[in-house]
Amino acid sequence: MRLERLAFEPRGGADEVAALERHLDDLAARVDDDAWRERKRAALERQREPGFWDSPERFVVFGAIEQIDRIETGIESARRLFEKLRGTPGSGRTRFAAEHVGRLALRLFVLETAVADVEGARPLDAFLLLEA
């Protein structure tokens, strides 16, 4: 089930909550992957390079580190929201608040986009350096 539909046309069904859980588990697995951890470690290590603090490229590195941290925090937050939405596992609930399903789906959509941007090494920001 596509997150876009869940975000903008939620019905609050159990199938939607199951789809949200699959998307969330997939995102968590991608961020818990060795490649993700290596990407973060490498960005943090760049700060130790000679001349780093005077290099205009430091802004790109800081942006990447910040994006990675935001994504990791966002996934933790989404996991807590999902647990509140789902309630007690195995309770047999079949109806959920459609508004909450939509909000969580939108959050996961944004997180999936951000993860893909980091994985694809896409630029996150533009910086302008002016010197007199």
Protein backbone atom coordinates (compact mmCIF):
# COMPACT_ATOMS: atom_id res chain seq x y z
CA MET A 1 0.00 0.00 0.00
CA ARG A 2 1.47 3.35 -1.02
CA LEU A 3 2.21 5.91 1.67
CA GLU A 4 0.88 8.73 -0.49
CA ARG A 5 -2.59 7.20 -0.50
CA LEU A 6 -2.44 6.48 3.21
CA ALA A 7 -1.37 10.06 3.91
CA PHE A 8 -4.11 11.74 1.91
CA GLU A 9 -6.95 9.18 1.89
CA PRO A 10 -6.71 7.22 5.14
CA ARG A 11 -9.65 5.05 6.13
CA GLY A 12 -8.34 3.75 9.46
CA GLY A 13 -8.41 0.05 8.58
CA ALA A 14 -6.24 -2.70 10.02
CA ASP A 15 -4.71 -3.25 6.57
CA GLU A 16 -3.47 0.34 6.58
CA VAL A 17 -1.90 -0.05 10.01
CA ALA A 18 -0.19 -3.24 8.83
CA ALA A 19 1.15 -1.36 5.79
CA LEU A 20 2.45 1.42 8.04
CA GLU A 21 4.25 -1.16 10.15
CA ARG A 22 5.90 -2.68 7.07
CA HIS A 23 7.09 0.74 5.87
CA LEU A 24 8.38 1.60 9.33
CA ASP A 25 10.21 -1.71 9.70
CA ASP A 26 11.78 -1.23 6.26
CA LEU A 27 12.99 2.27 7.14
CA ALA A 28 14.37 1.11 10.48
CA ALA A 29 16.25 -1.72 8.76
CA ARG A 30 17.78 0.66 6.21
CA VAL A 31 19.01 2.97 8.97
CA ASP A 32 20.27 0.07 11.07
CA ASP A 33 22.30 -1.21 8.11
CA ASP A 34 26.12 -1.33 8.08
CA ALA A 35 26.25 1.00 5.07
CA TRP A 36 24.23 3.63 6.95
CA ARG A 37 26.46 3.41 10.01
CA GLU A 38 29.57 3.65 7.82
CA ARG A 39 28.17 6.72 6.06
CA LYS A 40 27.62 8.39 9.42
CA ARG A 41 31.03 7.36 10.76
CA ALA A 42 32.77 8.67 7.64
CA ALA A 43 31.00 12.03 7.91
CA LEU A 44 31.97 12.35 11.57
CA GLU A 45 35.58 11.39 10.78
CA ARG A 46 35.85 14.14 8.15
CA GLN A 47 35.85 16.66 10.99
CA ARG A 48 39.34 15.41 11.96
CA GLU A 49 40.88 16.12 8.57
CA PRO A 50 43.48 18.89 8.42
CA GLY A 51 41.94 22.15 7.25
CA PHE A 52 38.39 20.85 7.65
CA TRP A 53 37.23 23.72 9.86
CA ASP A 54 38.35 26.30 7.30
CA SER A 55 37.00 24.43 4.29
CA PRO A 56 33.72 25.52 2.67
CA GLU A 57 32.97 21.81 2.31
CA ARG A 58 32.43 21.60 6.06
CA PHE A 59 28.89 22.85 5.53
CA VAL A 60 28.09 19.85 3.33
CA VAL A 61 29.47 17.50 5.98
CA PHE A 62 27.56 19.23 8.78
CA GLY A 63 24.39 19.07 6.71
CA ALA A 64 24.83 15.34 6.12
CA ILE A 65 25.46 14.65 9.81
CA GLU A 66 22.43 16.71 10.79
CA GLN A 67 20.24 14.97 8.20
CA ILE A 68 21.34 11.53 9.39
CA ASP A 69 20.64 12.46 13.03
CA ARG A 70 17.23 13.89 12.14
CA ILE A 71 16.29 10.76 10.25
CA GLU A 72 17.33 8.48 13.09
CA THR A 73 15.39 10.59 15.59
CA GLY A 74 12.41 10.74 13.22
CA ILE A 75 12.28 6.96 12.94
CA GLU A 76 12.35 6.60 16.72
CA SER A 77 9.54 9.13 16.99
CA ALA A 78 7.54 7.38 14.24
CA ARG A 79 7.98 4.07 16.09
CA ARG A 80 6.50 5.62 19.27
CA LEU A 81 3.60 7.11 17.29
CA PHE A 82 2.96 3.76 15.66
CA GLU A 83 2.85 2.01 19.04
CA LYS A 84 0.29 4.56 20.29
CA LEU A 85 -1.78 4.16 17.13
CA ARG A 86 -1.74 0.37 17.16
CA GLY A 87 -2.29 -0.01 20.89
CA THR A 88 -1.98 -3.44 22.42
CA PRO A 89 -0.71 -5.98 19.86
CA GLY A 90 -3.11 -8.84 19.23
CA SER A 91 -6.09 -6.91 20.61
CA GLY A 92 -8.12 -7.67 17.51
CA ARG A 93 -8.74 -4.02 16.72
CA THR A 94 -9.90 -3.46 13.16
CA ARG A 95 -10.57 0.30 13.21
CA PHE A 96 -8.10 3.06 13.93
CA ALA A 97 -8.27 6.85 13.87
CA ALA A 98 -7.97 7.71 10.18
CA GLU A 99 -6.45 11.10 11.03
CA HIS A 100 -3.64 9.40 12.96
CA VAL A 101 -3.06 6.89 10.17
CA GLY A 102 -2.72 9.79 7.73
CA ARG A 103 -0.31 11.73 9.93
CA LEU A 104 1.95 8.75 10.47
CA ALA A 105 1.87 7.88 6.77
CA LEU A 106 2.90 11.44 5.87
CA ARG A 107 5.74 11.32 8.39
CA LEU A 108 6.95 8.00 6.99
CA PHE A 109 6.74 9.35 3.43
CA VAL A 110 8.98 12.30 4.37
CA LEU A 111 11.39 9.95 6.17
CA GLU A 112 11.54 7.57 3.19
CA THR A 113 12.36 10.50 0.92
CA ALA A 114 15.07 11.73 3.28
CA VAL A 115 16.62 8.25 3.60
CA ALA A 116 16.69 7.90 -0.19
CA ASP A 117 18.39 11.31 -0.44
CA VAL A 118 21.10 10.28 2.03
CA GLU A 119 21.58 6.88 0.40
CA GLY A 120 21.81 8.51 -3.04
CA ALA A 121 24.24 11.17 -1.72
CA ARG A 122 21.91 13.86 -3.06
CA PRO A 123 22.66 17.42 -1.98
CA LEU A 124 20.55 18.41 0.99
CA ASP A 125 21.15 22.15 1.03
CA ALA A 126 22.80 24.92 -0.89
CA PHE A 127 25.27 27.22 0.81
CA LEU A 128 26.44 30.62 -0.31
CA LEU A 129 29.80 31.97 0.81
CA LEU A 130 30.33 35.70 0.40
CA GLU A 131 33.73 37.22 0.94
CA ALA A 132 34.52 40.90 0.92
